Amino acid sequence: MTDDWVTDRDRRTYRTVSRIGFVAAPAMFFLPLLVPMFCVGYQSWPVICMTAVFAVLVSASSFAAMASTPPDDRPGKHQLWAIPVAVFALLPGAVLSSGLYLTIVSLLSQAAATAPG
């Protein structure tokens, strides 16, 4: 095995992981929004799942950057910026996720309260 073969295999793996992250993130954000339609009241796990999306997007971006590093460069250096950015992204992600989820729960509760019958 040559170093070029290993490097190409690693970059292909980084590309695959980043694509999975970019596809999974929207599903992780929007699918939990269906929970209030089937469960009564507030559930905490959908907000946690929706908040984690922001860290997944940062990680997927890091893997995409690792896949496109030049052959003479070290792809692992992208983890140096990705880890703190992912942790920092969780705070606005939590605010956005909980705000959106609580808005939907509130709207569905109001609709159920005013529904005839």
PDB file of N, CA and C in Angstrom:
ATOM      1  N   MET A   1       0.840  -1.185   0.000  1.00  0.00           N
ATOM      2  CA  MET A   1       0.000   0.000   0.000  1.00  0.00           C
ATOM      3  C   MET A   1       0.885   1.247   0.000  1.00  0.00           C
ATOM      4  N   THR A   2       0.551   2.151  -0.854  1.00  0.00           N
ATOM      5  CA  THR A   2       1.294   3.396  -0.890  1.00  0.00           C
ATOM      6  C   THR A   2       0.573   4.446  -0.063  1.00  0.00           C
ATOM      7  N   ASP A   3       1.292   5.515   0.235  1.00  0.00           N
ATOM      8  CA  ASP A   3       0.704   6.613   1.004  1.00  0.00           C
ATOM      9  C   ASP A   3      -0.408   7.298   0.217  1.00  0.00           C
ATOM     10  N   ASP A   4      -0.276   7.352  -1.113  1.00  0.00           N
ATOM     11  CA  ASP A   4      -1.308   7.978  -1.928  1.00  0.00           C
ATOM     12  C   ASP A   4      -2.624   7.205  -1.842  1.00  0.00           C
ATOM     13  N   TRP A   5      -2.537   5.895  -1.836  1.00  0.00           N
ATOM     14  CA  TRP A   5      -3.749   5.073  -1.745  1.00  0.00           C
ATOM     15  C   TRP A   5      -4.442   5.283  -0.402  1.00  0.00           C
ATOM     16  N   VAL A   6      -3.651   5.313   0.672  1.00  0.00           N
ATOM     17  CA  VAL A   6      -4.216   5.525   2.010  1.00  0.00           C
ATOM     18  C   VAL A   6      -4.823   6.915   2.101  1.00  0.00           C
ATOM     19  N   THR A   7      -4.137   7.906   1.556  1.00  0.00           N
ATOM     20  CA  THR A   7      -4.650   9.276   1.585  1.00  0.00           C
ATOM     21  C   THR A   7      -5.940   9.387   0.794  1.00  0.00           C
ATOM     22  N   ASP A   8      -6.004   8.781  -0.381  1.00  0.00           N
ATOM     23  CA  ASP A   8      -7.232   8.816  -1.177  1.00  0.00           C
ATOM     24  C   ASP A   8      -8.383   8.125  -0.453  1.00  0.00           C
ATOM     25  N   ARG A   9      -8.087   6.993   0.193  1.00  0.00           N
ATOM     26  CA  ARG A   9      -9.118   6.279   0.939  1.00  0.00           C
ATOM     27  C   ARG A   9      -9.615   7.132   2.108  1.00  0.00           C
ATOM     28  N   ASP A  10      -8.698   7.798   2.820  1.00  0.00           N
ATOM     29  CA  ASP A  10      -9.083   8.661   3.931  1.00  0.00           C
ATOM     30  C   ASP A  10      -9.944   9.827   3.443  1.00  0.00           C
ATOM     31  N   ARG A  11      -9.549  10.436   2.344  1.00  0.00           N
ATOM     32  CA  ARG A  11     -10.315  11.575   1.821  1.00  0.00           C
ATOM     33  C   ARG A  11     -11.699  11.128   1.347  1.00  0.00           C
ATOM     34  N   ARG A  12     -11.795   9.955   0.794  1.00  0.00           N
ATOM     35  CA  ARG A  12     -13.093   9.411   0.387  1.00  0.00           C
ATOM     36  C   ARG A  12     -13.968   9.177   1.616  1.00  0.00           C
ATOM     37  N   THR A  13     -13.365   8.689   2.678  1.00  0.00           N
ATOM     38  CA  THR A  13     -14.103   8.484   3.930  1.00  0.00           C
ATOM     39  C   THR A  13     -14.561   9.823   4.504  1.00  0.00           C
ATOM     40  N   TYR A  14     -13.698  10.832   4.500  1.00  0.00           N
ATOM     41  CA  TYR A  14     -14.077  12.162   4.985  1.00  0.00           C
ATOM     42  C   TYR A  14     -15.247  12.722   4.170  1.00  0.00           C
ATOM     43  N   ARG A  15     -15.188  12.533   2.853  1.00  0.00           N
ATOM     44  CA  ARG A  15     -16.263  13.015   1.979  1.00  0.00           C
ATOM     45  C   ARG A  15     -17.584  12.311   2.305  1.00  0.00           C
ATOM     46  N   THR A  16     -17.529  11.007   2.517  1.00  0.00           N
ATOM     47  CA  THR A  16     -18.733  10.238   2.836  1.00  0.00           C
ATOM     48  C   THR A  16     -19.329  10.681   4.166  1.00  0.00           C
ATOM     49  N   VAL A  17     -18.478  10.854   5.165  1.00  0.00           N
ATOM     50  CA  VAL A  17     -18.961  11.280   6.479  1.00  0.00           C
ATOM     51  C   VAL A  17     -19.572  12.672   6.400  1.00  0.00           C
ATOM     52  N   SER A  18     -18.968  13.569   5.647  1.00  0.00           N
ATOM     53  CA  SER A  18     -19.534  14.917   5.533  1.00  0.00           C
ATOM     54  C   SER A  18     -20.880  14.896   4.816  1.00  0.00           C
ATOM     55  N   ARG A  19     -21.017  14.085   3.792  1.00  0.00           N
ATOM     56  CA  ARG A  19     -22.312  13.993   3.101  1.00  0.00           C
ATOM     57  C   ARG A  19     -23.392  13.432   4.012  1.00  0.00           C
ATOM     58  N   ILE A  20     -23.047  12.417   4.783  1.00  0.00           N
ATOM     59  CA  ILE A  20     -24.018  11.858   5.731  1.00  0.00           C
ATOM     60  C   ILE A  20     -24.437  12.928   6.738  1.00  0.00           C
ATOM     61  N   GLY A  21     -23.485  13.703   7.221  1.00  0.00           N
ATOM     62  CA  GLY A  21     -23.798  14.773   8.173  1.00  0.00           C
ATOM     63  C   GLY A  21     -24.701  15.827   7.580  1.00  0.00           C
ATOM     64  N   PHE A  22     -24.436  16.219   6.326  1.00  0.00           N
ATOM     65  CA  PHE A  22     -25.260  17.249   5.696  1.00  0.00           C
ATOM     66  C   PHE A  22     -26.661  16.742   5.366  1.00  0.00           C
ATOM     67  N   VAL A  23     -26.835  15.446   5.185  1.00  0.00           N
ATOM     68  CA  VAL A  23     -28.159  14.874   4.935  1.00  0.00           C
ATOM     69  C   VAL A  23     -28.900  14.617   6.252  1.00  0.00           C
ATOM     70  N   ALA A  24     -28.173  14.148   7.253  1.00  0.00           N
ATOM     71  CA  ALA A  24     -28.808  13.820   8.539  1.00  0.00           C
ATOM     72  C   ALA A  24     -29.229  15.067   9.308  1.00  0.00           C
ATOM     73  N   ALA A  25     -28.506  16.158   9.157  1.00  0.00           N
ATOM     74  CA  ALA A  25     -28.800  17.360   9.935  1.00  0.00           C
ATOM     75  C   ALA A  25     -30.208  17.915   9.688  1.00  0.00           C
ATOM     76  N   PRO A  26     -30.653  18.093   8.451  1.00  0.00           N
ATOM     77  CA  PRO A  26     -32.023  18.588   8.272  1.00  0.00           C
ATOM     78  C   PRO A  26     -33.080  17.627   8.820  1.00  0.00           C
ATOM     79  N   ALA A  27     -32.837  16.332   8.682  1.00  0.00           N
ATOM     80  CA  ALA A  27     -33.785  15.362   9.246  1.00  0.00           C
ATOM     81  C   ALA A  27     -33.811  15.458  10.763  1.00  0.00           C
ATOM     82  N   MET A  28     -32.636  15.623  11.377  1.00  0.00           N
ATOM     83  CA  MET A  28     -32.570  15.752  12.829  1.00  0.00           C
ATOM     84  C   MET A  28     -33.243  17.032  13.318  1.00  0.00           C
ATOM     85  N   PHE A  29     -33.300  18.054  12.473  1.00  0.00           N
ATOM     86  CA  PHE A  29     -33.915  19.313  12.891  1.00  0.00           C
ATOM     87  C   PHE A  29     -35.422  19.311  12.668  1.00  0.00           C
ATOM     88  N   PHE A  30     -35.867  18.836  11.512  1.00  0.00           N
ATOM     89  CA  PHE A  30     -37.284  18.974  11.168  1.00  0.00           C
ATOM     90  C   PHE A  30     -38.170  17.824  11.645  1.00  0.00           C
ATOM     91  N   LEU A  31     -37.655  16.610  11.706  1.00  0.00           N
ATOM     92  CA  LEU A  31     -38.487  15.491  12.158  1.00  0.00           C
ATOM     93  C   LEU A  31     -38.977  15.627  13.601  1.00  0.00           C
ATOM     94  N   PRO A  32     -38.168  16.129  14.541  1.00  0.00           N
ATOM     95  CA  PRO A  32     -38.697  16.315  15.892  1.00  0.00           C
ATOM     96  C   PRO A  32     -39.830  17.338  15.990  1.00  0.00           C
ATOM     97  N   LEU A  33     -39.990  18.157  14.975  1.00  0.00           N
ATOM     98  CA  LEU A  33     -41.093  19.122  14.990  1.00  0.00           C
ATOM     99  C   LEU A  33     -42.445  18.430  14.833  1.00  0.00           C
ATOM    100  N   LEU A  34     -42.435  17.168  14.431  1.00  0.00           N
ATOM    101  CA  LEU A  34     -43.676  16.406  14.337  1.00  0.00           C
ATOM    102  C   LEU A  34     -44.130  15.855  15.687  1.00  0.00           C
ATOM    103  N   VAL A  35     -43.245  15.820  16.661  1.00  0.00           N
ATOM    104  CA  VAL A  35     -43.553  15.232  17.969  1.00  0.00           C
ATOM    105  C   VAL A  35     -44.741  15.911  18.648  1.00  0.00           C
ATOM    106  N   PRO A  36     -44.848  17.253  18.666  1.00  0.00           N
ATOM    107  CA  PRO A  36     -45.989  17.861  19.355  1.00  0.00           C
ATOM    108  C   PRO A  36     -47.340  17.503  18.723  1.00  0.00           C
ATOM    109  N   MET A  37     -47.331  17.074  17.505  1.00  0.00           N
ATOM    110  CA  MET A  37     -48.585  16.703  16.846  1.00  0.00           C
ATOM    111  C   MET A  37     -49.096  15.353  17.341  1.00  0.00           C
ATOM    112  N   PHE A  38     -48.208  14.526  17.875  1.00  0.00           N
ATOM    113  CA  PHE A  38     -48.594  13.195  18.327  1.00  0.00           C
ATOM    114  C   PHE A  38     -48.530  13.036  19.839  1.00  0.00           C
ATOM    115  N   CYS A  39     -47.750  13.857  20.522  1.00  0.00           N
ATOM    116  CA  CYS A  39     -47.621  13.795  21.978  1.00  0.00           C
ATOM    117  C   CYS A  39     -48.169  15.089  22.566  1.00  0.00           C
ATOM    118  N   VAL A  40     -48.884  14.969  23.643  1.00  0.00           N
ATOM    119  CA  VAL A  40     -49.453  16.144  24.279  1.00  0.00           C
ATOM    120  C   VAL A  40     -48.400  16.777  25.179  1.00  0.00           C
ATOM    121  N   GLY A  41     -48.259  18.084  25.081  1.00  0.00           N
ATOM    122  CA  GLY A  41     -47.356  18.801  25.963  1.00  0.00           C
ATOM    123  C   GLY A  41     -45.931  18.877  25.435  1.00  0.00           C
ATOM    124  N   TYR A  42     -45.097  19.378  26.298  1.00  0.00           N
ATOM    125  CA  TYR A  42     -43.693  19.618  25.974  1.00  0.00           C
ATOM    126  C   TYR A  42     -42.861  18.366  26.240  1.00  0.00           C
ATOM    127  N   GLN A  43     -42.021  18.018  25.295  1.00  0.00           N
ATOM    128  CA  GLN A  43     -41.056  16.919  25.438  1.00  0.00           C
ATOM    129  C   GLN A  43     -39.658  17.538  25.304  1.00  0.00           C
ATOM    130  N   SER A  44     -38.712  17.095  26.103  1.00  0.00           N
ATOM    131  CA  SER A  44     -37.378  17.706  26.045  1.00  0.00           C
ATOM    132  C   SER A  44     -36.474  17.087  24.983  1.00  0.00           C
ATOM    133  N   TRP A  45     -36.649  15.820  24.648  1.00  0.00           N
ATOM    134  CA  TRP A  45     -35.712  15.162  23.727  1.00  0.00           C
ATOM    135  C   TRP A  45     -35.737  15.752  22.319  1.00  0.00           C
ATOM    136  N   PRO A  46     -36.888  16.253  21.793  1.00  0.00           N
ATOM    137  CA  PRO A  46     -36.800  16.862  20.466  1.00  0.00           C
ATOM    138  C   PRO A  46     -35.933  18.117  20.441  1.00  0.00           C
ATOM    139  N   VAL A  47     -35.977  18.889  21.511  1.00  0.00           N
ATOM    140  CA  VAL A  47     -35.146  20.094  21.568  1.00  0.00           C
ATOM    141  C   VAL A  47     -33.675  19.714  21.632  1.00  0.00           C
ATOM    142  N   ILE A  48     -33.359  18.672  22.363  1.00  0.00           N
ATOM    143  CA  ILE A  48     -31.969  18.212  22.442  1.00  0.00           C
ATOM    144  C   ILE A  48     -31.497  17.740  21.067  1.00  0.00           C
ATOM    145  N   CYS A  49     -32.331  17.004  20.380  1.00  0.00           N
ATOM    146  CA  CYS A  49     -31.995  16.517  19.039  1.00  0.00           C
ATOM    147  C   CYS A  49     -31.816  17.688  18.068  1.00  0.00           C
ATOM    148  N   MET A  50     -32.719  18.659  18.151  1.00  0.00           N
ATOM    149  CA  MET A  50     -32.634  19.817  17.255  1.00  0.00           C
ATOM    150  C   MET A  50     -31.413  20.675  17.567  1.00  0.00           C
ATOM    151  N   THR A  51     -31.015  20.746  18.833  1.00  0.00           N
ATOM    152  CA  THR A  51     -29.823  21.502  19.218  1.00  0.00           C
ATOM    153  C   THR A  51     -28.557  20.818  18.714  1.00  0.00           C
ATOM    154  N   ALA A  52     -28.525  19.517  18.755  1.00  0.00           N
ATOM    155  CA  ALA A  52     -27.344  18.763  18.315  1.00  0.00           C
ATOM    156  C   ALA A  52     -27.061  18.945  16.833  1.00  0.00           C
ATOM    157  N   VAL A  53     -28.065  19.351  16.078  1.00  0.00           N
ATOM    158  CA  VAL A  53     -27.891  19.558  14.636  1.00  0.00           C
ATOM    159  C   VAL A  53     -26.781  20.558  14.357  1.00  0.00           C
ATOM    160  N   PHE A  54     -26.676  21.576  15.175  1.00  0.00           N
ATOM    161  CA  PHE A  54     -25.678  22.611  14.919  1.00  0.00           C
ATOM    162  C   PHE A  54     -24.265  22.067  15.081  1.00  0.00           C
ATOM    163  N   ALA A  55     -24.039  21.201  16.039  1.00  0.00           N
ATOM    164  CA  ALA A  55     -22.732  20.555  16.178  1.00  0.00           C
ATOM    165  C   ALA A  55     -22.483  19.588  15.026  1.00  0.00           C
ATOM    166  N   VAL A  56     -23.524  18.907  14.563  1.00  0.00           N
ATOM    167  CA  VAL A  56     -23.387  17.989  13.429  1.00  0.00           C
ATOM    168  C   VAL A  56     -23.002  18.761  12.168  1.00  0.00           C
ATOM    169  N   LEU A  57     -23.601  19.931  11.953  1.00  0.00           N
ATOM    170  CA  LEU A  57     -23.255  20.738  10.781  1.00  0.00           C
ATOM    171  C   LEU A  57     -21.812  21.218  10.834  1.00  0.00           C
ATOM    172  N   VAL A  58     -21.349  21.632  12.003  1.00  0.00           N
ATOM    173  CA  VAL A  58     -19.954  22.049  12.139  1.00  0.00           C
ATOM    174  C   VAL A  58     -19.027  20.862  11.877  1.00  0.00           C
ATOM    175  N   SER A  59     -19.368  19.713  12.404  1.00  0.00           N
ATOM    176  CA  SER A  59     -18.549  18.521  12.186  1.00  0.00           C
ATOM    177  C   SER A  59     -18.540  18.119  10.714  1.00  0.00           C
ATOM    178  N   ALA A  60     -19.698  18.181  10.067  1.00  0.00           N
ATOM    179  CA  ALA A  60     -19.753  17.853   8.638  1.00  0.00           C
ATOM    180  C   ALA A  60     -18.920  18.843   7.825  1.00  0.00           C
ATOM    181  N   SER A  61     -18.947  20.112   8.207  1.00  0.00           N
ATOM    182  CA  SER A  61     -18.115  21.105   7.522  1.00  0.00           C
ATOM    183  C   SER A  61     -16.634  20.802   7.715  1.00  0.00           C
ATOM    184  N   SER A  62     -16.279  20.368   8.921  1.00  0.00           N
ATOM    185  CA  SER A  62     -14.894  20.018   9.194  1.00  0.00           C
ATOM    186  C   SER A  62     -14.449  18.831   8.340  1.00  0.00           C
ATOM    187  N   PHE A  63     -15.307  17.814   8.243  1.00  0.00           N
ATOM    188  CA  PHE A  63     -14.951  16.660   7.413  1.00  0.00           C
ATOM    189  C   PHE A  63     -14.878  17.040   5.939  1.00  0.00           C
ATOM    190  N   ALA A  64     -15.732  17.949   5.489  1.00  0.00           N
ATOM    191  CA  ALA A  64     -15.643  18.408   4.101  1.00  0.00           C
ATOM    192  C   ALA A  64     -14.337  19.157   3.872  1.00  0.00           C
ATOM    193  N   ALA A  65     -13.916  19.961   4.850  1.00  0.00           N
ATOM    194  CA  ALA A  65     -12.627  20.659   4.735  1.00  0.00           C
ATOM    195  C   ALA A  65     -11.471  19.665   4.767  1.00  0.00           C
ATOM    196  N   MET A  66     -11.591  18.626   5.596  1.00  0.00           N
ATOM    197  CA  MET A  66     -10.539  17.615   5.659  1.00  0.00           C
ATOM    198  C   MET A  66     -10.426  16.865   4.328  1.00  0.00           C
ATOM    199  N   ALA A  67     -11.548  16.671   3.657  1.00  0.00           N
ATOM    200  CA  ALA A  67     -11.525  15.962   2.372  1.00  0.00           C
ATOM    201  C   ALA A  67     -10.864  16.780   1.277  1.00  0.00           C
ATOM    202  N   SER A  68     -10.878  18.094   1.437  1.00  0.00           N
ATOM    203  CA  SER A  68     -10.334  18.934   0.369  1.00  0.00           C
ATOM    204  C   SER A  68      -8.975  19.533   0.711  1.00  0.00           C
ATOM    205  N   THR A  69      -8.302  19.023   1.727  1.00  0.00           N
ATOM    206  CA  THR A  69      -6.963  19.524   2.034  1.00  0.00           C
ATOM    207  C   THR A  69      -5.979  19.050   0.969  1.00  0.00           C
ATOM    208  N   PRO A  70      -4.973  19.841   0.698  1.00  0.00           N
ATOM    209  CA  PRO A  70      -3.961  19.408  -0.270  1.00  0.00           C
ATOM    210  C   PRO A  70      -3.246  18.152   0.221  1.00  0.00           C
ATOM    211  N   PRO A  71      -2.734  17.345  -0.695  1.00  0.00           N
ATOM    212  CA  PRO A  71      -2.090  16.081  -0.315  1.00  0.00           C
ATOM    213  C   PRO A  71      -0.910  16.242   0.641  1.00  0.00           C
ATOM    214  N   ASP A  72      -0.203  17.376   0.580  1.00  0.00           N
ATOM    215  CA  ASP A  72       0.964  17.543   1.446  1.00  0.00           C
ATOM    216  C   ASP A  72       0.607  18.147   2.810  1.00  0.00           C
ATOM    217  N   ASP A  73      -0.669  18.414   3.041  1.00  0.00           N
ATOM    218  CA  ASP A  73      -1.113  19.031   4.284  1.00  0.00           C
ATOM    219  C   ASP A  73      -1.764  17.994   5.191  1.00  0.00           C
ATOM    220  N   ARG A  74      -1.878  18.292   6.462  1.00  0.00           N
ATOM    221  CA  ARG A  74      -2.484  17.368   7.432  1.00  0.00           C
ATOM    222  C   ARG A  74      -3.970  17.697   7.569  1.00  0.00           C
ATOM    223  N   PRO A  75      -4.865  16.776   7.223  1.00  0.00           N
ATOM    224  CA  PRO A  75      -6.291  17.063   7.313  1.00  0.00           C
ATOM    225  C   PRO A  75      -6.800  17.180   8.741  1.00  0.00           C
ATOM    226  N   GLY A  76      -6.120  16.579   9.699  1.00  0.00           N
ATOM    227  CA  GLY A  76      -6.575  16.607  11.080  1.00  0.00           C
ATOM    228  C   GLY A  76      -6.541  17.984  11.718  1.00  0.00           C
ATOM    229  N   LYS A  77      -5.858  18.938  11.083  1.00  0.00           N
ATOM    230  CA  LYS A  77      -5.781  20.285  11.662  1.00  0.00           C
ATOM    231  C   LYS A  77      -7.149  20.965  11.706  1.00  0.00           C
ATOM    232  N   HIS A  78      -8.090  20.501  10.893  1.00  0.00           N
ATOM    233  CA  HIS A  78      -9.415  21.108  10.891  1.00  0.00           C
ATOM    234  C   HIS A  78     -10.200  20.785  12.154  1.00  0.00           C
ATOM    235  N   GLN A  79      -9.801  19.735  12.849  1.00  0.00           N
ATOM    236  CA  GLN A  79     -10.464  19.428  14.111  1.00  0.00           C
ATOM    237  C   GLN A  79     -10.117  20.461  15.177  1.00  0.00           C
ATOM    238  N   LEU A  80      -9.016  21.179  14.994  1.00  0.00           N
ATOM    239  CA  LEU A  80      -8.629  22.200  15.971  1.00  0.00           C
ATOM    240  C   LEU A  80      -9.637  23.346  16.010  1.00  0.00           C
ATOM    241  N   TRP A  81     -10.189  23.714  14.872  1.00  0.00           N
ATOM    242  CA  TRP A  81     -11.200  24.771  14.888  1.00  0.00           C
ATOM    243  C   TRP A  81     -12.604  24.213  15.019  1.00  0.00           C
ATOM    244  N   ALA A  82     -12.826  22.981  14.596  1.00  0.00           N
ATOM    245  CA  ALA A  82     -14.183  22.430  14.584  1.00  0.00           C
ATOM    246  C   ALA A  82     -14.720  22.152  15.989  1.00  0.00           C
ATOM    247  N   ILE A  83     -13.891  21.690  16.871  1.00  0.00           N
ATOM    248  CA  ILE A  83     -14.367  21.328  18.206  1.00  0.00           C
ATOM    249  C   ILE A  83     -14.848  22.561  18.979  1.00  0.00           C
ATOM    250  N   PRO A  84     -14.064  23.645  19.078  1.00  0.00           N
ATOM    251  CA  PRO A  84     -14.587  24.813  19.798  1.00  0.00           C
ATOM    252  C   PRO A  84     -15.772  25.465  19.093  1.00  0.00           C
ATOM    253  N   VAL A  85     -15.769  25.468  17.777  1.00  0.00           N
ATOM    254  CA  VAL A  85     -16.893  26.061  17.044  1.00  0.00           C
ATOM    255  C   VAL A  85     -18.158  25.242  17.277  1.00  0.00           C
ATOM    256  N   ALA A  86     -18.046  23.933  17.303  1.00  0.00           N
ATOM    257  CA  ALA A  86     -19.215  23.083  17.546  1.00  0.00           C
ATOM    258  C   ALA A  86     -19.780  23.322  18.944  1.00  0.00           C
ATOM    259  N   VAL A  87     -18.911  23.450  19.928  1.00  0.00           N
ATOM    260  CA  VAL A  87     -19.372  23.721  21.290  1.00  0.00           C
ATOM    261  C   VAL A  87     -20.032  25.095  21.361  1.00  0.00           C
ATOM    262  N   PHE A  88     -19.436  26.075  20.712  1.00  0.00           N
ATOM    263  CA  PHE A  88     -20.001  27.430  20.711  1.00  0.00           C
ATOM    264  C   PHE A  88     -21.330  27.482  19.956  1.00  0.00           C
ATOM    265  N   ALA A  89     -21.477  26.690  18.907  1.00  0.00           N
ATOM    266  CA  ALA A  89     -22.705  26.693  18.106  1.00  0.00           C
ATOM    267  C   ALA A  89     -23.893  26.098  18.848  1.00  0.00           C
ATOM    268  N   LEU A  90     -23.643  25.361  19.910  1.00  0.00           N
ATOM    269  CA  LEU A  90     -24.745  24.751  20.648  1.00  0.00           C
ATOM    270  C   LEU A  90     -25.610  25.784  21.366  1.00  0.00           C
ATOM    271  N   LEU A  91     -25.040  26.899  21.817  1.00  0.00           N
ATOM    272  CA  LEU A  91     -25.828  27.901  22.541  1.00  0.00           C
ATOM    273  C   LEU A  91     -26.878  28.564  21.654  1.00  0.00           C
ATOM    274  N   PRO A  92     -26.502  29.170  20.523  1.00  0.00           N
ATOM    275  CA  PRO A  92     -27.571  29.722  19.667  1.00  0.00           C
ATOM    276  C   PRO A  92     -28.473  28.629  19.103  1.00  0.00           C
ATOM    277  N   GLY A  93     -27.928  27.439  18.915  1.00  0.00           N
ATOM    278  CA  GLY A  93     -28.747  26.324  18.446  1.00  0.00           C
ATOM    279  C   GLY A  93     -29.820  25.952  19.448  1.00  0.00           C
ATOM    280  N   ALA A  94     -29.463  25.963  20.723  1.00  0.00           N
ATOM    281  CA  ALA A  94     -30.433  25.647  21.774  1.00  0.00           C
ATOM    282  C   ALA A  94     -31.516  26.711  21.845  1.00  0.00           C
ATOM    283  N   VAL A  95     -31.132  27.958  21.709  1.00  0.00           N
ATOM    284  CA  VAL A  95     -32.117  29.056  21.757  1.00  0.00           C
ATOM    285  C   VAL A  95     -33.073  28.952  20.578  1.00  0.00           C
ATOM    286  N   LEU A  96     -32.542  28.756  19.392  1.00  0.00           N
ATOM    287  CA  LEU A  96     -33.383  28.643  18.204  1.00  0.00           C
ATOM    288  C   LEU A  96     -34.278  27.410  18.268  1.00  0.00           C
ATOM    289  N   SER A  97     -33.711  26.288  18.646  1.00  0.00           N
ATOM    290  CA  SER A  97     -34.474  25.041  18.689  1.00  0.00           C
ATOM    291  C   SER A  97     -35.597  25.099  19.720  1.00  0.00           C
ATOM    292  N   SER A  98     -35.266  25.538  20.920  1.00  0.00           N
ATOM    293  CA  SER A  98     -36.308  25.588  21.952  1.00  0.00           C
ATOM    294  C   SER A  98     -37.355  26.630  21.621  1.00  0.00           C
ATOM    295  N   GLY A  99     -36.962  27.754  21.049  1.00  0.00           N
ATOM    296  CA  GLY A  99     -37.946  28.768  20.651  1.00  0.00           C
ATOM    297  C   GLY A  99     -38.901  28.256  19.593  1.00  0.00           C
ATOM    298  N   LEU A 100     -38.375  27.604  18.583  1.00  0.00           N
ATOM    299  CA  LEU A 100     -39.219  27.067  17.514  1.00  0.00           C
ATOM    300  C   LEU A 100     -40.119  25.953  18.036  1.00  0.00           C
ATOM    301  N   TYR A 101     -39.568  25.071  18.849  1.00  0.00           N
ATOM    302  CA  TYR A 101     -40.354  23.957  19.383  1.00  0.00           C
ATOM    303  C   TYR A 101     -41.459  24.470  20.309  1.00  0.00           C
ATOM    304  N   LEU A 102     -41.125  25.422  21.178  1.00  0.00           N
ATOM    305  CA  LEU A 102     -42.135  25.974  22.085  1.00  0.00           C
ATOM    306  C   LEU A 102     -43.217  26.736  21.323  1.00  0.00           C
ATOM    307  N   THR A 103     -42.856  27.390  20.246  1.00  0.00           N
ATOM    308  CA  THR A 103     -43.847  28.075  19.423  1.00  0.00           C
ATOM    309  C   THR A 103     -44.830  27.079  18.824  1.00  0.00           C
ATOM    310  N   ILE A 104     -44.323  25.973  18.322  1.00  0.00           N
ATOM    311  CA  ILE A 104     -45.201  24.959  17.724  1.00  0.00           C
ATOM    312  C   ILE A 104     -46.076  24.319  18.796  1.00  0.00           C
ATOM    313  N   VAL A 105     -45.509  24.019  19.965  1.00  0.00           N
ATOM    314  CA  VAL A 105     -46.308  23.451  21.053  1.00  0.00           C
ATOM    315  C   VAL A 105     -47.403  24.431  21.465  1.00  0.00           C
ATOM    316  N   SER A 106     -47.063  25.701  21.555  1.00  0.00           N
ATOM    317  CA  SER A 106     -48.042  26.720  21.939  1.00  0.00           C
ATOM    318  C   SER A 106     -49.157  26.844  20.901  1.00  0.00           C
ATOM    319  N   LEU A 107     -48.793  26.881  19.638  1.00  0.00           N
ATOM    320  CA  LEU A 107     -49.801  26.989  18.572  1.00  0.00           C
ATOM    321  C   LEU A 107     -50.720  25.772  18.545  1.00  0.00           C
ATOM    322  N   LEU A 108     -50.152  24.591  18.723  1.00  0.00           N
ATOM    323  CA  LEU A 108     -50.981  23.390  18.740  1.00  0.00           C
ATOM    324  C   LEU A 108     -51.879  23.338  19.973  1.00  0.00           C
ATOM    325  N   SER A 109     -51.394  23.826  21.107  1.00  0.00           N
ATOM    326  CA  SER A 109     -52.220  23.864  22.318  1.00  0.00           C
ATOM    327  C   SER A 109     -53.376  24.839  22.152  1.00  0.00           C
ATOM    328  N   GLN A 110     -53.110  25.993  21.554  1.00  0.00           N
ATOM    329  CA  GLN A 110     -54.171  26.981  21.297  1.00  0.00           C
ATOM    330  C   GLN A 110     -55.186  26.438  20.310  1.00  0.00           C
ATOM    331  N   ALA A 111     -54.709  25.751  19.294  1.00  0.00           N
ATOM    332  CA  ALA A 111     -55.628  25.178  18.307  1.00  0.00           C
ATOM    333  C   ALA A 111     -56.495  24.105  18.936  1.00  0.00           C
ATOM    334  N   ALA A 112     -55.935  23.319  19.815  1.00  0.00           N
ATOM    335  CA  ALA A 112     -56.729  22.270  20.488  1.00  0.00           C
ATOM    336  C   ALA A 112     -57.727  22.872  21.462  1.00  0.00           C
ATOM    337  N   ALA A 113     -57.365  23.977  22.095  1.00  0.00           N
ATOM    338  CA  ALA A 113     -58.259  24.616  23.052  1.00  0.00           C
ATOM    339  C   ALA A 113     -59.443  25.290  22.372  1.00  0.00           C
ATOM    340  N   THR A 114     -59.229  25.808  21.175  1.00  0.00           N
ATOM    341  CA  THR A 114     -60.295  26.523  20.467  1.00  0.00           C
ATOM    342  C   THR A 114     -61.052  25.644  19.474  1.00  0.00           C
ATOM    343  N   ALA A 115     -60.648  24.395  19.349  1.00  0.00           N
ATOM    344  CA  ALA A 115     -61.305  23.496  18.404  1.00  0.00           C
ATOM    345  C   ALA A 115     -62.716  23.161  18.918  1.00  0.00           C
ATOM    346  N   PRO A 116     -63.680  23.151  18.007  1.00  0.00           N
ATOM    347  CA  PRO A 116     -65.035  22.802  18.433  1.00  0.00           C
ATOM    348  C   PRO A 116     -65.126  21.312  18.770  1.00  0.00           C
ATOM    349  N   GLY A 117     -65.918  21.013  19.787  1.00  0.00           N
ATOM    350  CA  GLY A 117     -66.198  19.611  20.108  1.00  0.00           C
ATOM    351  C   GLY A 117     -65.296  19.112  21.093  1.00  0.00           C
TER     352      GLY A 117
END
